[in-house]
Amino acid sequence: MQIDITGQHLDITPALRSYVQNKFERLERHFDLLTDIHVVLTVSKLEHKAEATLPVVHGKIFADAVDADMYAAIDALTDKLDRQLKKHKEKLTDHTDRASVRTNAIT
């Protein structure tokens, strides 16, 4: 998994980079097909914004989070992406299960 981190009005420090990488490793547990992730960290006056885009099998997943602290915004972002990836994975597996149930009911 390759993580591309971009900062707007913010320098990406090694501590911030390692924090993002450690948090995004959690997403790989639920969905193995993650190849690259684009993360944008933005600072404007009193709010810190973290947003990420993940290409998945049938589209892209996008989430963003705003908080007073950048680390809290990254935590909220990974929580949102975690829920979205679980939901996406359930949709993928649910679709194939319904097809097999129909064929078993017919025979």
N, C-alpha and C. Protein backbone atom coordinates (compact mmCIF):
# COMPACT_ATOMS: atom_id res chain seq x y z
N MET A 1 0.84 -1.17 0.00
CA MET A 1 0.00 0.00 0.00
C MET A 1 0.89 1.24 0.00
N GLN A 2 0.64 2.11 -0.94
CA GLN A 2 1.41 3.34 -1.06
C GLN A 2 0.53 4.51 -0.62
N ILE A 3 1.03 5.31 0.31
CA ILE A 3 0.29 6.45 0.81
C ILE A 3 0.97 7.73 0.32
N ASP A 4 0.23 8.53 -0.42
CA ASP A 4 0.71 9.81 -0.93
C ASP A 4 0.13 10.90 -0.03
N ILE A 5 0.99 11.59 0.71
CA ILE A 5 0.54 12.60 1.66
C ILE A 5 0.92 13.98 1.13
N THR A 6 -0.08 14.86 1.05
CA THR A 6 0.12 16.22 0.58
C THR A 6 -0.32 17.18 1.67
N GLY A 7 0.43 18.25 1.87
CA GLY A 7 0.07 19.25 2.86
C GLY A 7 -0.22 20.58 2.20
N GLN A 8 -1.33 21.20 2.54
CA GLN A 8 -1.65 22.53 2.05
C GLN A 8 -1.53 23.50 3.23
N HIS A 9 -0.66 24.47 3.09
CA HIS A 9 -0.35 25.43 4.15
C HIS A 9 0.22 24.71 5.37
N LEU A 10 0.95 23.62 5.12
CA LEU A 10 1.44 22.78 6.20
C LEU A 10 2.64 21.99 5.70
N ASP A 11 3.68 21.92 6.50
CA ASP A 11 4.81 21.06 6.18
C ASP A 11 4.56 19.69 6.80
N ILE A 12 4.75 18.65 6.00
CA ILE A 12 4.55 17.28 6.49
C ILE A 12 5.82 16.86 7.22
N THR A 13 5.73 16.77 8.52
CA THR A 13 6.88 16.36 9.33
C THR A 13 6.98 14.83 9.34
N PRO A 14 8.16 14.29 9.63
CA PRO A 14 8.28 12.83 9.72
C PRO A 14 7.35 12.22 10.77
N ALA A 15 7.10 12.93 11.88
CA ALA A 15 6.19 12.42 12.90
C ALA A 15 4.76 12.35 12.37
N LEU A 16 4.34 13.36 11.63
CA LEU A 16 3.00 13.37 11.05
C LEU A 16 2.87 12.29 9.98
N ARG A 17 3.90 12.12 9.17
CA ARG A 17 3.89 11.09 8.13
C ARG A 17 3.79 9.69 8.74
N SER A 18 4.56 9.42 9.79
CA SER A 18 4.52 8.09 10.41
C SER A 18 3.19 7.86 11.11
N TYR A 19 2.59 8.92 11.68
CA TYR A 19 1.29 8.78 12.33
C TYR A 19 0.21 8.40 11.31
N VAL A 20 0.23 9.05 10.17
CA VAL A 20 -0.74 8.74 9.11
C VAL A 20 -0.53 7.30 8.62
N GLN A 21 0.70 6.90 8.41
CA GLN A 21 0.97 5.55 7.93
C GLN A 21 0.52 4.50 8.93
N ASN A 22 0.76 4.74 10.22
CA ASN A 22 0.34 3.78 11.24
C ASN A 22 -1.18 3.67 11.31
N LYS A 23 -1.87 4.79 11.20
CA LYS A 23 -3.34 4.77 11.25
C LYS A 23 -3.94 4.09 10.03
N PHE A 24 -3.32 4.29 8.86
CA PHE A 24 -3.89 3.73 7.64
C PHE A 24 -3.57 2.24 7.49
N GLU A 25 -2.63 1.72 8.26
CA GLU A 25 -2.39 0.28 8.25
C GLU A 25 -3.60 -0.47 8.77
N ARG A 26 -4.37 0.16 9.63
CA ARG A 26 -5.59 -0.45 10.17
C ARG A 26 -6.61 -0.74 9.07
N LEU A 27 -6.63 0.10 8.04
CA LEU A 27 -7.58 -0.09 6.94
C LEU A 27 -7.24 -1.33 6.13
N GLU A 28 -5.98 -1.67 6.09
CA GLU A 28 -5.56 -2.82 5.28
C GLU A 28 -6.04 -4.14 5.87
N ARG A 29 -6.37 -4.15 7.16
CA ARG A 29 -6.90 -5.36 7.79
C ARG A 29 -8.23 -5.75 7.19
N HIS A 30 -9.06 -4.75 6.87
CA HIS A 30 -10.41 -5.02 6.39
C HIS A 30 -10.49 -5.23 4.89
N PHE A 31 -9.59 -4.61 4.17
CA PHE A 31 -9.68 -4.65 2.71
C PHE A 31 -8.27 -4.77 2.15
N ASP A 32 -7.93 -5.93 1.63
CA ASP A 32 -6.57 -6.21 1.17
C ASP A 32 -6.23 -5.58 -0.18
N LEU A 33 -7.22 -5.13 -0.91
CA LEU A 33 -6.98 -4.67 -2.27
C LEU A 33 -6.65 -3.18 -2.37
N LEU A 34 -6.19 -2.58 -1.28
CA LEU A 34 -5.81 -1.16 -1.32
C LEU A 34 -4.41 -1.03 -1.90
N THR A 35 -4.29 -0.32 -3.00
CA THR A 35 -2.98 -0.16 -3.63
C THR A 35 -2.36 1.19 -3.30
N ASP A 36 -3.14 2.26 -3.49
CA ASP A 36 -2.59 3.57 -3.17
C ASP A 36 -3.68 4.45 -2.57
N ILE A 37 -3.25 5.32 -1.68
CA ILE A 37 -4.16 6.22 -0.97
C ILE A 37 -3.60 7.63 -1.11
N HIS A 38 -4.47 8.57 -1.40
CA HIS A 38 -4.05 9.96 -1.50
C HIS A 38 -4.64 10.72 -0.31
N VAL A 39 -3.78 11.26 0.54
CA VAL A 39 -4.20 11.97 1.74
C VAL A 39 -3.79 13.43 1.60
N VAL A 40 -4.72 14.34 1.90
CA VAL A 40 -4.45 15.77 1.86
C VAL A 40 -4.72 16.33 3.26
N LEU A 41 -3.72 16.97 3.83
CA LEU A 41 -3.84 17.61 5.13
C LEU A 41 -3.80 19.12 4.93
N THR A 42 -4.81 19.81 5.46
CA THR A 42 -4.95 21.24 5.24
C THR A 42 -5.13 21.97 6.58
N VAL A 43 -4.52 23.13 6.67
CA VAL A 43 -4.68 23.98 7.85
C VAL A 43 -5.23 25.33 7.39
N SER A 44 -6.32 25.77 8.01
CA SER A 44 -6.84 27.11 7.74
C SER A 44 -7.33 27.71 9.05
N LYS A 45 -6.68 28.75 9.46
CA LYS A 45 -6.92 29.46 10.72
C LYS A 45 -7.02 28.50 11.90
N LEU A 46 -8.22 28.21 12.38
CA LEU A 46 -8.36 27.40 13.58
C LEU A 46 -8.78 25.96 13.33
N GLU A 47 -8.95 25.57 12.08
CA GLU A 47 -9.39 24.21 11.82
C GLU A 47 -8.38 23.44 10.99
N HIS A 48 -8.23 22.19 11.32
CA HIS A 48 -7.35 21.27 10.61
C HIS A 48 -8.22 20.26 9.89
N LYS A 49 -7.95 20.07 8.61
CA LYS A 49 -8.77 19.19 7.79
C LYS A 49 -7.91 18.08 7.22
N ALA A 50 -8.42 16.86 7.31
CA ALA A 50 -7.76 15.71 6.70
C ALA A 50 -8.75 15.06 5.76
N GLU A 51 -8.31 14.78 4.54
CA GLU A 51 -9.18 14.11 3.57
C GLU A 51 -8.38 13.07 2.82
N ALA A 52 -9.08 12.02 2.39
CA ALA A 52 -8.40 10.93 1.72
C ALA A 52 -9.28 10.36 0.62
N THR A 53 -8.64 9.87 -0.43
CA THR A 53 -9.30 9.22 -1.54
C THR A 53 -8.66 7.86 -1.75
N LEU A 54 -9.49 6.82 -1.80
CA LEU A 54 -9.00 5.45 -2.00
C LEU A 54 -9.67 4.85 -3.23
N PRO A 55 -8.91 4.43 -4.21
CA PRO A 55 -9.53 3.70 -5.32
C PRO A 55 -9.83 2.27 -4.89
N VAL A 56 -11.06 1.82 -5.12
CA VAL A 56 -11.47 0.46 -4.79
C VAL A 56 -12.02 -0.20 -6.04
N VAL A 57 -12.49 -1.42 -5.91
CA VAL A 57 -12.87 -2.23 -7.05
C VAL A 57 -13.90 -1.55 -7.96
N HIS A 58 -14.97 -1.03 -7.42
CA HIS A 58 -16.01 -0.42 -8.25
C HIS A 58 -16.16 1.06 -7.97
N GLY A 59 -15.06 1.81 -7.99
CA GLY A 59 -15.15 3.24 -7.78
C GLY A 59 -14.08 3.76 -6.84
N LYS A 60 -14.42 4.84 -6.16
CA LYS A 60 -13.50 5.46 -5.22
C LYS A 60 -14.25 5.73 -3.92
N ILE A 61 -13.50 5.73 -2.83
CA ILE A 61 -14.04 6.08 -1.53
C ILE A 61 -13.36 7.36 -1.09
N PHE A 62 -14.17 8.33 -0.68
CA PHE A 62 -13.65 9.62 -0.23
C PHE A 62 -14.21 9.93 1.15
N ALA A 63 -13.37 10.48 2.00
CA ALA A 63 -13.82 10.93 3.32
C ALA A 63 -12.99 12.12 3.74
N ASP A 64 -13.58 12.95 4.59
CA ASP A 64 -12.84 14.07 5.15
C ASP A 64 -13.29 14.29 6.59
N ALA A 65 -12.41 14.90 7.35
CA ALA A 65 -12.70 15.19 8.76
C ALA A 65 -12.06 16.51 9.13
N VAL A 66 -12.76 17.28 9.95
CA VAL A 66 -12.28 18.59 10.39
C VAL A 66 -12.28 18.60 11.92
N ASP A 67 -11.18 19.10 12.49
CA ASP A 67 -11.06 19.17 13.94
C ASP A 67 -10.10 20.30 14.30
N ALA A 68 -10.03 20.62 15.57
CA ALA A 68 -9.10 21.67 16.03
C ALA A 68 -7.67 21.16 16.08
N ASP A 69 -7.48 19.84 16.15
CA ASP A 69 -6.16 19.22 16.22
C ASP A 69 -5.98 18.32 15.00
N MET A 70 -4.81 18.36 14.37
CA MET A 70 -4.58 17.57 13.17
C MET A 70 -4.62 16.07 13.47
N TYR A 71 -4.07 15.68 14.60
CA TYR A 71 -4.06 14.25 14.96
C TYR A 71 -5.48 13.74 15.20
N ALA A 72 -6.33 14.55 15.79
CA ALA A 72 -7.73 14.17 15.99
C ALA A 72 -8.47 14.09 14.66
N ALA A 73 -8.14 14.97 13.74
CA ALA A 73 -8.76 14.94 12.41
C ALA A 73 -8.34 13.67 11.66
N ILE A 74 -7.09 13.25 11.80
CA ILE A 74 -6.62 12.02 11.16
C ILE A 74 -7.31 10.81 11.78
N ASP A 75 -7.49 10.82 13.10
CA ASP A 75 -8.21 9.72 13.76
C ASP A 75 -9.64 9.62 13.26
N ALA A 76 -10.34 10.75 13.17
CA ALA A 76 -11.71 10.76 12.69
C ALA A 76 -11.78 10.31 11.23
N LEU A 77 -10.80 10.70 10.44
CA LEU A 77 -10.75 10.30 9.03
C LEU A 77 -10.60 8.79 8.90
N THR A 78 -9.70 8.20 9.66
CA THR A 78 -9.52 6.75 9.55
C THR A 78 -10.74 6.00 10.04
N ASP A 79 -11.44 6.53 11.05
CA ASP A 79 -12.68 5.90 11.50
C ASP A 79 -13.74 5.91 10.40
N LYS A 80 -13.87 7.04 9.71
CA LYS A 80 -14.84 7.14 8.62
C LYS A 80 -14.48 6.20 7.48
N LEU A 81 -13.21 6.17 7.11
CA LEU A 81 -12.79 5.29 6.01
C LEU A 81 -12.96 3.83 6.39
N ASP A 82 -12.72 3.50 7.64
CA ASP A 82 -12.89 2.13 8.12
C ASP A 82 -14.34 1.68 7.95
N ARG A 83 -15.28 2.54 8.36
CA ARG A 83 -16.70 2.20 8.20
C ARG A 83 -17.08 2.08 6.73
N GLN A 84 -16.59 2.98 5.90
CA GLN A 84 -16.93 2.94 4.48
C GLN A 84 -16.36 1.70 3.81
N LEU A 85 -15.14 1.31 4.18
CA LEU A 85 -14.54 0.11 3.60
C LEU A 85 -15.28 -1.15 4.02
N LYS A 86 -15.70 -1.22 5.27
CA LYS A 86 -16.49 -2.36 5.73
C LYS A 86 -17.79 -2.46 4.95
N LYS A 87 -18.46 -1.32 4.77
CA LYS A 87 -19.71 -1.29 4.03
C LYS A 87 -19.50 -1.69 2.57
N HIS A 88 -18.43 -1.21 1.97
CA HIS A 88 -18.13 -1.55 0.58
C HIS A 88 -17.84 -3.05 0.44
N LYS A 89 -17.08 -3.58 1.39
CA LYS A 89 -16.75 -5.00 1.34
C LYS A 89 -18.01 -5.86 1.52
N GLU A 90 -18.92 -5.44 2.41
CA GLU A 90 -20.17 -6.17 2.58
C GLU A 90 -21.01 -6.14 1.32
N LYS A 91 -21.01 -5.01 0.63
CA LYS A 91 -21.77 -4.93 -0.62
C LYS A 91 -21.19 -5.89 -1.66
N LEU A 92 -19.87 -5.97 -1.74
CA LEU A 92 -19.25 -6.85 -2.72
C LEU A 92 -19.54 -8.32 -2.41
N THR A 93 -19.43 -8.71 -1.15
CA THR A 93 -19.67 -10.11 -0.80
C THR A 93 -21.15 -10.42 -0.77
N ASP A 94 -21.98 -9.46 -0.39
CA ASP A 94 -23.42 -9.66 -0.33
C ASP A 94 -23.98 -9.92 -1.72
N HIS A 95 -23.47 -9.24 -2.70
CA HIS A 95 -23.95 -9.39 -4.08
C HIS A 95 -23.70 -10.80 -4.59
N THR A 96 -22.55 -11.35 -4.34
CA THR A 96 -22.25 -12.70 -4.81
C THR A 96 -23.03 -13.74 -4.03
N ASP A 97 -23.31 -13.49 -2.75
CA ASP A 97 -24.06 -14.45 -1.96
C ASP A 97 -25.51 -14.57 -2.44
N ARG A 98 -26.11 -13.46 -2.81
CA ARG A 98 -27.49 -13.51 -3.29
C ARG A 98 -27.61 -14.32 -4.57
N ALA A 99 -26.64 -14.22 -5.43
CA ALA A 99 -26.67 -14.96 -6.68
C ALA A 99 -26.57 -16.47 -6.41
N SER A 100 -25.74 -16.85 -5.46
CA SER A 100 -25.61 -18.28 -5.16
C SER A 100 -26.84 -18.81 -4.46
N VAL A 101 -27.50 -17.98 -3.68
CA VAL A 101 -28.73 -18.40 -2.99
C VAL A 101 -29.83 -18.65 -4.01
N ARG A 102 -29.92 -17.80 -5.03
CA ARG A 102 -30.93 -17.97 -6.07
C ARG A 102 -30.70 -19.25 -6.86
N THR A 103 -29.48 -19.54 -7.20
CA THR A 103 -29.22 -20.75 -7.98
C THR A 103 -29.46 -22.00 -7.14
N ASN A 104 -29.19 -21.95 -5.85
CA ASN A 104 -29.46 -23.10 -4.99
C ASN A 104 -30.95 -23.30 -4.78
N ALA A 105 -31.73 -22.24 -4.76
CA ALA A 105 -33.17 -22.35 -4.56
C ALA A 105 -33.85 -22.92 -5.81
N ILE A 106 -33.31 -22.64 -6.97
CA ILE A 106 -33.90 -23.11 -8.22
C ILE A 106 -33.67 -24.61 -8.38
N THR A 107 -32.51 -25.10 -8.04
CA THR A 107 -32.21 -26.52 -8.25
C THR A 107 -32.79 -27.41 -7.19
